[in-house]
Structure formats: C-alpha cells, structure tokens
Amino acid sequence: MANIVLNTLAQSGAGGDNTLTLNGTFAGDSTEEIREVRVSTFMTDITTDSDIYIFPDVAGILQQVSVVLQGSISNLNIMTVSISGIDVEGPAFEFTGSSGEASKEVFNPTGLNTFTSNDNIKVNSDGGAIGGPAAAMFTFTWLPN
C-alpha cells in the first residue's frame, strides 16, 4: 500500500477568489503509481465574475472538472477552464436557465489539457447568473504524467 502526504494551503484572494496550492510526497513500492488525482475547492459566489486556481505541483493531464452548485441561480452562467492562461479545449461548461441547489455540470477536456509542475489551473465564472449569492464546489481530476 502506498502512502501519500499532501500539504495544502488555501488562501482567499481579492474578490473572494480562492487559491489552493498542493505539494507533498509519495512513498511506496516502486511498482505502485498514482493513477488518478482529485482535488476539490470552493468558489464563494458563482454569480459574480470570479476565479479559482489550483497549483498541482506535478505534471499531468487534466481529465475532468465538475462543479456542484450550492444555491439556486437563473440565467446563463459560463465557466472557462485554463492552464496558465491558455484556454483548455472542450464542450461548453455552463449552467443554463434555472439551476437549483445540487445541480451538477461536468467539463471533459478535448485538447490543450496537459500541464507541467509549474502550471496553474484556473476556472473563471463569468458571473452571468442571477439569484445569488450561490457557492459552488469544483472538483479537478487529472492523471499524473
């Protein structure tokens, strides 16, 4: 069995933006490997133009970003995923019309989703939704590279 130790730092930035930095160690048999990593972080209010960032501190391939709404909104709210300022390719990542509490959306990248240990991954909410404030929990899933 492998042991994984992660040290996390959550920091609140301007406008309620959240930053999560990961670093740590992996100790285990040399035949063991981490096949998938999932990290969740919180956006205070998806109905305002705001960003969240994670810093994986390892190279990898972004597989998915999912979001669960923690409030009710209406109107179109578009979310954009980028790696160090370059938009990740994929289908629309948005809440449309009326979305109630516990509504979920999933973004599965189709390109430009590889990152290095020096990159950050960002999600921007355009703040187009109304009816907030509505928090959201984002989960990032990647494969170490």
N, C-alpha and C. Protein backbone atom coordinates (compact mmCIF):
# COMPACT_ATOMS: atom_id res chain seq x y z
N MET A 1 0.84 -1.18 0.00
CA MET A 1 0.00 0.00 0.00
C MET A 1 0.88 1.24 0.00
N ALA A 2 0.51 2.21 -0.77
CA ALA A 2 1.28 3.45 -0.88
C ALA A 2 0.79 4.47 0.13
N ASN A 3 1.68 5.35 0.52
CA ASN A 3 1.33 6.46 1.39
C ASN A 3 1.47 7.75 0.61
N ILE A 4 0.47 8.58 0.69
CA ILE A 4 0.50 9.86 0.00
C ILE A 4 0.34 10.94 1.06
N VAL A 5 1.24 11.91 1.06
CA VAL A 5 1.16 13.01 2.01
C VAL A 5 1.01 14.29 1.21
N LEU A 6 -0.06 15.02 1.44
CA LEU A 6 -0.27 16.29 0.76
C LEU A 6 -0.32 17.41 1.79
N ASN A 7 0.40 18.46 1.50
CA ASN A 7 0.32 19.67 2.31
C ASN A 7 -0.48 20.68 1.51
N THR A 8 -1.50 21.24 2.09
CA THR A 8 -2.34 22.17 1.34
C THR A 8 -2.32 23.55 1.98
N LEU A 9 -2.50 24.53 1.15
CA LEU A 9 -2.60 25.91 1.59
C LEU A 9 -3.76 26.54 0.85
N ALA A 10 -4.78 26.94 1.57
CA ALA A 10 -5.91 27.63 0.96
C ALA A 10 -5.80 29.10 1.34
N GLN A 11 -5.98 29.96 0.38
CA GLN A 11 -5.80 31.38 0.61
C GLN A 11 -6.90 32.13 -0.09
N SER A 12 -7.47 33.10 0.57
CA SER A 12 -8.51 33.91 -0.02
C SER A 12 -7.86 35.13 -0.67
N GLY A 13 -8.18 35.35 -1.93
CA GLY A 13 -7.59 36.48 -2.66
C GLY A 13 -8.59 37.60 -2.84
N ALA A 14 -8.26 38.54 -3.70
CA ALA A 14 -9.13 39.68 -3.97
C ALA A 14 -10.46 39.21 -4.56
N GLY A 15 -11.53 39.81 -4.15
CA GLY A 15 -12.84 39.49 -4.69
C GLY A 15 -13.33 38.11 -4.29
N GLY A 16 -12.77 37.55 -3.23
CA GLY A 16 -13.22 36.24 -2.78
C GLY A 16 -12.65 35.09 -3.58
N ASP A 17 -11.67 35.36 -4.45
CA ASP A 17 -11.04 34.28 -5.22
C ASP A 17 -10.33 33.34 -4.26
N ASN A 18 -10.28 32.06 -4.58
CA ASN A 18 -9.63 31.08 -3.73
C ASN A 18 -8.44 30.48 -4.46
N THR A 19 -7.36 30.27 -3.73
CA THR A 19 -6.16 29.66 -4.28
C THR A 19 -5.85 28.43 -3.46
N LEU A 20 -5.55 27.32 -4.13
CA LEU A 20 -5.17 26.09 -3.45
C LEU A 20 -3.84 25.63 -4.03
N THR A 21 -2.85 25.48 -3.16
CA THR A 21 -1.54 25.01 -3.57
C THR A 21 -1.31 23.64 -2.97
N LEU A 22 -0.87 22.70 -3.80
CA LEU A 22 -0.59 21.35 -3.33
C LEU A 22 0.89 21.06 -3.47
N ASN A 23 1.44 20.43 -2.47
CA ASN A 23 2.77 19.85 -2.59
C ASN A 23 2.83 18.69 -1.62
N GLY A 24 3.73 17.81 -1.81
CA GLY A 24 3.78 16.67 -0.90
C GLY A 24 4.73 15.60 -1.38
N THR A 25 4.61 14.44 -0.77
CA THR A 25 5.48 13.34 -1.09
C THR A 25 4.67 12.07 -1.31
N PHE A 26 5.24 11.16 -2.03
CA PHE A 26 4.64 9.86 -2.27
C PHE A 26 5.65 8.81 -1.86
N ALA A 27 5.25 7.93 -0.95
CA ALA A 27 6.15 6.88 -0.51
C ALA A 27 5.46 5.54 -0.70
N GLY A 28 6.11 4.64 -1.39
CA GLY A 28 5.51 3.33 -1.60
C GLY A 28 6.43 2.44 -2.41
N ASP A 29 5.96 1.26 -2.70
CA ASP A 29 6.68 0.31 -3.53
C ASP A 29 6.94 0.94 -4.90
N SER A 30 8.08 0.69 -5.48
CA SER A 30 8.42 1.32 -6.76
C SER A 30 7.49 0.89 -7.89
N THR A 31 6.71 -0.19 -7.69
CA THR A 31 5.77 -0.62 -8.72
C THR A 31 4.42 0.08 -8.59
N GLU A 32 4.24 0.81 -7.51
CA GLU A 32 2.96 1.50 -7.31
C GLU A 32 2.99 2.86 -7.99
N GLU A 33 1.85 3.28 -8.48
CA GLU A 33 1.76 4.60 -9.07
C GLU A 33 0.37 5.17 -8.81
N ILE A 34 0.32 6.47 -8.80
CA ILE A 34 -0.96 7.15 -8.63
C ILE A 34 -1.62 7.19 -10.00
N ARG A 35 -2.82 6.68 -10.10
CA ARG A 35 -3.48 6.61 -11.40
C ARG A 35 -4.41 7.80 -11.64
N GLU A 36 -4.94 8.37 -10.60
CA GLU A 36 -5.86 9.49 -10.76
C GLU A 36 -5.81 10.35 -9.50
N VAL A 37 -5.83 11.66 -9.70
CA VAL A 37 -5.82 12.59 -8.58
C VAL A 37 -7.07 13.44 -8.67
N ARG A 38 -7.74 13.63 -7.54
CA ARG A 38 -8.91 14.51 -7.47
C ARG A 38 -8.70 15.53 -6.36
N VAL A 39 -8.96 16.77 -6.70
CA VAL A 39 -8.84 17.86 -5.73
C VAL A 39 -10.08 18.73 -5.86
N SER A 40 -10.68 19.06 -4.73
CA SER A 40 -11.86 19.94 -4.73
C SER A 40 -11.53 21.26 -4.07
N THR A 41 -12.14 22.31 -4.59
CA THR A 41 -12.01 23.63 -3.98
C THR A 41 -13.32 24.38 -4.19
N PHE A 42 -13.47 25.47 -3.52
CA PHE A 42 -14.74 26.15 -3.34
C PHE A 42 -14.70 27.54 -3.97
N MET A 43 -15.76 27.91 -4.70
CA MET A 43 -15.94 29.28 -5.19
C MET A 43 -17.05 29.90 -4.36
N THR A 44 -16.78 31.03 -3.77
CA THR A 44 -17.71 31.67 -2.85
C THR A 44 -19.02 32.05 -3.50
N ASP A 45 -18.96 32.62 -4.71
CA ASP A 45 -20.19 33.06 -5.38
C ASP A 45 -20.01 32.97 -6.89
N ILE A 46 -20.69 32.00 -7.49
CA ILE A 46 -20.59 31.77 -8.92
C ILE A 46 -21.32 32.85 -9.74
N THR A 47 -22.16 33.65 -9.08
CA THR A 47 -22.93 34.68 -9.78
C THR A 47 -22.15 35.98 -9.94
N THR A 48 -20.90 36.01 -9.50
CA THR A 48 -20.04 37.17 -9.74
C THR A 48 -18.87 36.72 -10.61
N ASP A 49 -18.29 37.63 -11.35
CA ASP A 49 -17.12 37.33 -12.16
C ASP A 49 -15.98 37.00 -11.20
N SER A 50 -15.64 35.72 -11.10
CA SER A 50 -14.61 35.32 -10.15
C SER A 50 -13.83 34.12 -10.66
N ASP A 51 -12.67 33.91 -10.05
CA ASP A 51 -11.74 32.86 -10.44
C ASP A 51 -11.40 31.98 -9.24
N ILE A 52 -11.09 30.71 -9.52
CA ILE A 52 -10.41 29.86 -8.56
C ILE A 52 -9.21 29.25 -9.26
N TYR A 53 -8.17 28.99 -8.50
CA TYR A 53 -6.93 28.43 -9.03
C TYR A 53 -6.52 27.22 -8.20
N ILE A 54 -5.89 26.25 -8.87
CA ILE A 54 -5.15 25.22 -8.15
C ILE A 54 -3.77 25.15 -8.78
N PHE A 55 -2.80 24.76 -7.97
CA PHE A 55 -1.42 24.59 -8.41
C PHE A 55 -1.02 23.15 -8.09
N PRO A 56 -1.15 22.25 -9.06
CA PRO A 56 -0.93 20.83 -8.79
C PRO A 56 0.49 20.46 -8.36
N ASP A 57 1.50 21.23 -8.75
CA ASP A 57 2.89 21.00 -8.36
C ASP A 57 3.45 19.69 -8.93
N VAL A 58 2.75 19.10 -9.90
CA VAL A 58 3.21 17.93 -10.64
C VAL A 58 2.75 18.10 -12.08
N ALA A 59 3.38 17.37 -12.99
CA ALA A 59 2.93 17.38 -14.38
C ALA A 59 1.75 16.42 -14.52
N GLY A 60 0.83 16.72 -15.43
CA GLY A 60 -0.31 15.83 -15.59
C GLY A 60 -1.16 16.16 -16.80
N ILE A 61 -2.25 15.40 -16.90
CA ILE A 61 -3.23 15.59 -17.97
C ILE A 61 -4.59 15.77 -17.31
N LEU A 62 -5.18 16.94 -17.49
CA LEU A 62 -6.49 17.24 -16.91
C LEU A 62 -7.55 16.39 -17.60
N GLN A 63 -8.28 15.60 -16.82
CA GLN A 63 -9.29 14.69 -17.35
C GLN A 63 -10.70 15.26 -17.24
N GLN A 64 -10.97 16.00 -16.16
CA GLN A 64 -12.33 16.46 -15.93
C GLN A 64 -12.35 17.57 -14.89
N VAL A 65 -13.31 18.47 -15.04
CA VAL A 65 -13.63 19.44 -14.00
C VAL A 65 -15.14 19.36 -13.81
N SER A 66 -15.56 19.13 -12.59
CA SER A 66 -17.00 19.10 -12.32
C SER A 66 -17.32 20.15 -11.28
N VAL A 67 -18.57 20.59 -11.28
CA VAL A 67 -19.00 21.61 -10.33
C VAL A 67 -20.39 21.25 -9.82
N VAL A 68 -20.56 21.43 -8.51
CA VAL A 68 -21.86 21.23 -7.88
C VAL A 68 -22.28 22.56 -7.28
N LEU A 69 -23.45 23.01 -7.67
CA LEU A 69 -24.00 24.28 -7.22
C LEU A 69 -24.53 24.16 -5.80
N GLN A 70 -24.27 25.17 -4.98
CA GLN A 70 -24.72 25.17 -3.60
C GLN A 70 -25.65 26.35 -3.36
N GLY A 71 -26.63 26.46 -4.22
CA GLY A 71 -27.61 27.53 -4.18
C GLY A 71 -28.40 27.48 -5.47
N SER A 72 -29.33 28.37 -5.65
CA SER A 72 -30.15 28.40 -6.87
C SER A 72 -29.81 29.64 -7.69
N ILE A 73 -29.74 29.44 -9.01
CA ILE A 73 -29.45 30.56 -9.92
C ILE A 73 -30.38 30.48 -11.12
N SER A 74 -30.45 31.57 -11.85
CA SER A 74 -31.13 31.57 -13.14
C SER A 74 -30.27 32.38 -14.10
N ASN A 75 -30.58 32.26 -15.37
CA ASN A 75 -29.82 32.91 -16.43
C ASN A 75 -28.59 32.07 -16.76
N LEU A 76 -27.93 32.38 -17.85
CA LEU A 76 -26.77 31.63 -18.31
C LEU A 76 -25.52 32.02 -17.52
N ASN A 77 -24.79 31.02 -17.05
CA ASN A 77 -23.51 31.25 -16.36
C ASN A 77 -22.46 30.39 -17.04
N ILE A 78 -21.46 31.03 -17.66
CA ILE A 78 -20.43 30.32 -18.41
C ILE A 78 -19.16 30.24 -17.58
N MET A 79 -18.56 29.05 -17.57
CA MET A 79 -17.30 28.83 -16.86
C MET A 79 -16.23 28.46 -17.88
N THR A 80 -15.03 29.01 -17.71
CA THR A 80 -13.92 28.76 -18.60
C THR A 80 -12.78 28.13 -17.81
N VAL A 81 -12.19 27.07 -18.35
CA VAL A 81 -11.06 26.40 -17.72
C VAL A 81 -9.80 26.75 -18.51
N SER A 82 -8.74 27.13 -17.80
CA SER A 82 -7.48 27.44 -18.48
C SER A 82 -6.30 26.89 -17.68
N ILE A 83 -5.22 26.64 -18.39
CA ILE A 83 -3.97 26.20 -17.77
C ILE A 83 -2.93 27.28 -18.06
N SER A 84 -2.49 27.95 -17.01
CA SER A 84 -1.51 29.04 -17.12
C SER A 84 -1.88 30.02 -18.23
N GLY A 85 -3.16 30.41 -18.27
CA GLY A 85 -3.62 31.44 -19.19
C GLY A 85 -4.07 30.95 -20.56
N ILE A 86 -3.94 29.66 -20.86
CA ILE A 86 -4.35 29.12 -22.16
C ILE A 86 -5.63 28.31 -21.96
N ASP A 87 -6.69 28.69 -22.69
CA ASP A 87 -7.97 28.01 -22.53
C ASP A 87 -7.87 26.54 -22.91
N VAL A 88 -8.42 25.70 -22.05
CA VAL A 88 -8.50 24.27 -22.32
C VAL A 88 -9.65 24.05 -23.30
N GLU A 89 -9.44 23.21 -24.30
CA GLU A 89 -10.48 22.95 -25.29
C GLU A 89 -11.48 21.93 -24.76
N GLY A 90 -12.74 22.12 -25.15
CA GLY A 90 -13.78 21.19 -24.75
C GLY A 90 -15.16 21.77 -25.00
N PRO A 91 -16.18 20.99 -24.66
CA PRO A 91 -17.55 21.45 -24.85
C PRO A 91 -17.89 22.58 -23.89
N ALA A 92 -19.04 23.21 -24.10
CA ALA A 92 -19.48 24.30 -23.22
C ALA A 92 -19.53 23.81 -21.77
N PHE A 93 -19.10 24.66 -20.87
CA PHE A 93 -19.12 24.37 -19.43
C PHE A 93 -19.96 25.48 -18.81
N GLU A 94 -21.27 25.20 -18.62
CA GLU A 94 -22.17 26.27 -18.23
C GLU A 94 -23.41 25.73 -17.52
N PHE A 95 -23.99 26.60 -16.71
CA PHE A 95 -25.33 26.39 -16.18
C PHE A 95 -26.26 27.20 -17.07
N THR A 96 -27.34 26.59 -17.55
CA THR A 96 -28.28 27.31 -18.40
C THR A 96 -29.63 27.38 -17.70
N GLY A 97 -30.36 28.44 -18.01
CA GLY A 97 -31.70 28.60 -17.44
C GLY A 97 -31.68 28.58 -15.93
N SER A 98 -32.64 27.91 -15.33
CA SER A 98 -32.73 27.81 -13.88
C SER A 98 -32.01 26.56 -13.41
N SER A 99 -31.12 26.73 -12.46
CA SER A 99 -30.39 25.61 -11.88
C SER A 99 -30.57 25.66 -10.38
N GLY A 100 -31.06 24.58 -9.82
CA GLY A 100 -31.31 24.53 -8.38
C GLY A 100 -30.12 24.01 -7.60
N GLU A 101 -30.26 24.07 -6.31
CA GLU A 101 -29.22 23.58 -5.42
C GLU A 101 -28.91 22.13 -5.75
N ALA A 102 -27.63 21.77 -5.70
CA ALA A 102 -27.10 20.44 -6.00
C ALA A 102 -27.10 20.13 -7.49
N SER A 103 -27.35 21.12 -8.36
CA SER A 103 -27.19 20.91 -9.80
C SER A 103 -25.71 20.69 -10.09
N LYS A 104 -25.43 19.82 -11.05
CA LYS A 104 -24.04 19.48 -11.37
C LYS A 104 -23.79 19.65 -12.86
N GLU A 105 -22.62 20.15 -13.19
CA GLU A 105 -22.15 20.24 -14.57
C GLU A 105 -20.75 19.63 -14.63
N VAL A 106 -20.43 19.02 -15.77
CA VAL A 106 -19.14 18.35 -15.94
C VAL A 106 -18.48 18.85 -17.23
N PHE A 107 -17.20 19.14 -17.14
CA PHE A 107 -16.40 19.56 -18.29
C PHE A 107 -15.35 18.48 -18.55
N ASN A 108 -15.38 17.88 -19.74
CA ASN A 108 -14.40 16.88 -20.15
C ASN A 108 -13.55 17.46 -21.28
N PRO A 109 -12.31 17.84 -20.98
CA PRO A 109 -11.46 18.47 -21.99
C PRO A 109 -11.22 17.60 -23.21
N THR A 110 -11.06 18.26 -24.36
CA THR A 110 -10.75 17.55 -25.60
C THR A 110 -9.38 17.94 -26.15
N GLY A 111 -8.73 18.92 -25.55
CA GLY A 111 -7.41 19.34 -26.01
C GLY A 111 -6.82 20.44 -25.15
N LEU A 112 -5.54 20.68 -25.32
CA LEU A 112 -4.78 21.68 -24.56
C LEU A 112 -4.97 21.49 -23.05
N ASN A 113 -4.91 20.21 -22.61
CA ASN A 113 -5.18 19.89 -21.22
C ASN A 113 -4.00 19.26 -20.50
N THR A 114 -2.80 19.39 -21.06
CA THR A 114 -1.59 18.88 -20.42
C THR A 114 -0.92 20.03 -19.68
N PHE A 115 -0.40 19.73 -18.48
CA PHE A 115 0.24 20.78 -17.69
C PHE A 115 1.55 20.27 -17.08
N THR A 116 2.41 21.22 -16.72
CA THR A 116 3.69 20.91 -16.08
C THR A 116 3.58 21.20 -14.59
N SER A 117 4.63 20.90 -13.87
CA SER A 117 4.63 21.14 -12.42
C SER A 117 4.64 22.63 -12.09
N ASN A 118 4.92 23.48 -13.07
CA ASN A 118 4.95 24.93 -12.83
C ASN A 118 3.65 25.63 -13.21
N ASP A 119 2.70 24.90 -13.78
CA ASP A 119 1.46 25.50 -14.26
C ASP A 119 0.41 25.63 -13.16
N ASN A 120 -0.54 26.54 -13.40
CA ASN A 120 -1.73 26.63 -12.56
C ASN A 120 -2.94 26.29 -13.43
N ILE A 121 -3.98 25.82 -12.77
CA ILE A 121 -5.24 25.54 -13.46
C ILE A 121 -6.28 26.48 -12.87
N LYS A 122 -7.00 27.17 -13.75
CA LYS A 122 -7.95 28.19 -13.32
C LYS A 122 -9.33 27.90 -13.89
N VAL A 123 -10.35 28.17 -13.08
CA VAL A 123 -11.73 28.21 -13.58
C VAL A 123 -12.23 29.63 -13.36
N ASN A 124 -12.80 30.21 -14.42
CA ASN A 124 -13.42 31.52 -14.32
C ASN A 124 -14.92 31.37 -14.49
N SER A 125 -15.67 31.99 -13.60
CA SER A 125 -17.11 32.10 -13.77
C SER A 125 -17.39 33.51 -14.28
N ASP A 126 -18.16 33.62 -15.36
CA ASP A 126 -18.38 34.93 -15.95
C ASP A 126 -19.36 35.79 -15.14
N GLY A 127 -20.00 35.20 -14.14
CA GLY A 127 -20.93 35.97 -13.31
C GLY A 127 -22.24 36.29 -13.99
N GLY A 128 -22.57 35.58 -15.06
CA GLY A 128 -23.79 35.86 -15.80
C GLY A 128 -25.07 35.43 -15.12
N ALA A 129 -24.95 34.53 -14.15
CA ALA A 129 -26.14 34.04 -13.46
C ALA A 129 -26.68 35.10 -12.50
N ILE A 130 -27.97 35.02 -12.23
CA ILE A 130 -28.59 35.91 -11.26
C ILE A 130 -29.25 35.06 -10.18
N GLY A 131 -29.56 35.68 -9.06
CA GLY A 131 -30.22 34.97 -7.98
C GLY A 131 -29.29 34.59 -6.85
N GLY A 132 -28.04 34.97 -6.95
CA GLY A 132 -27.06 34.60 -5.93
C GLY A 132 -27.21 35.41 -4.67
N PRO A 133 -26.30 35.26 -3.76
CA PRO A 133 -25.07 34.51 -3.96
C PRO A 133 -25.31 33.01 -3.97
N ALA A 134 -24.49 32.31 -4.76
CA ALA A 134 -24.55 30.85 -4.85
C ALA A 134 -23.13 30.31 -4.91
N ALA A 135 -22.74 29.60 -3.89
CA ALA A 135 -21.42 28.99 -3.85
C ALA A 135 -21.39 27.77 -4.76
N ALA A 136 -20.18 27.31 -5.08
CA ALA A 136 -20.03 26.13 -5.93
C ALA A 136 -18.77 25.38 -5.50
N MET A 137 -18.85 24.05 -5.54
CA MET A 137 -17.70 23.19 -5.24
C MET A 137 -17.20 22.59 -6.55
N PHE A 138 -15.94 22.89 -6.87
CA PHE A 138 -15.31 22.39 -8.09
C PHE A 138 -14.38 21.23 -7.76
N THR A 139 -14.42 20.18 -8.57
CA THR A 139 -13.51 19.04 -8.42
C THR A 139 -12.71 18.86 -9.70
N PHE A 140 -11.40 18.87 -9.56
CA PHE A 140 -10.48 18.69 -10.67
C PHE A 140 -9.96 17.26 -10.64
N THR A 141 -9.98 16.58 -11.77
CA THR A 141 -9.47 15.21 -11.87
C THR A 141 -8.39 15.19 -12.94
N TRP A 142 -7.21 14.65 -12.57
CA TRP A 142 -6.13 14.55 -13.55
C TRP A 142 -5.34 13.27 -13.36
N LEU A 143 -4.60 12.93 -14.41
CA LEU A 143 -3.68 11.80 -14.39
C LEU A 143 -2.27 12.36 -14.29
N PRO A 144 -1.48 11.91 -13.32
CA PRO A 144 -0.09 12.35 -13.27
C PRO A 144 0.64 11.91 -14.54
N ASN A 145 1.57 12.74 -14.97
CA ASN A 145 2.26 12.48 -16.23
C ASN A 145 3.75 12.29 -15.96
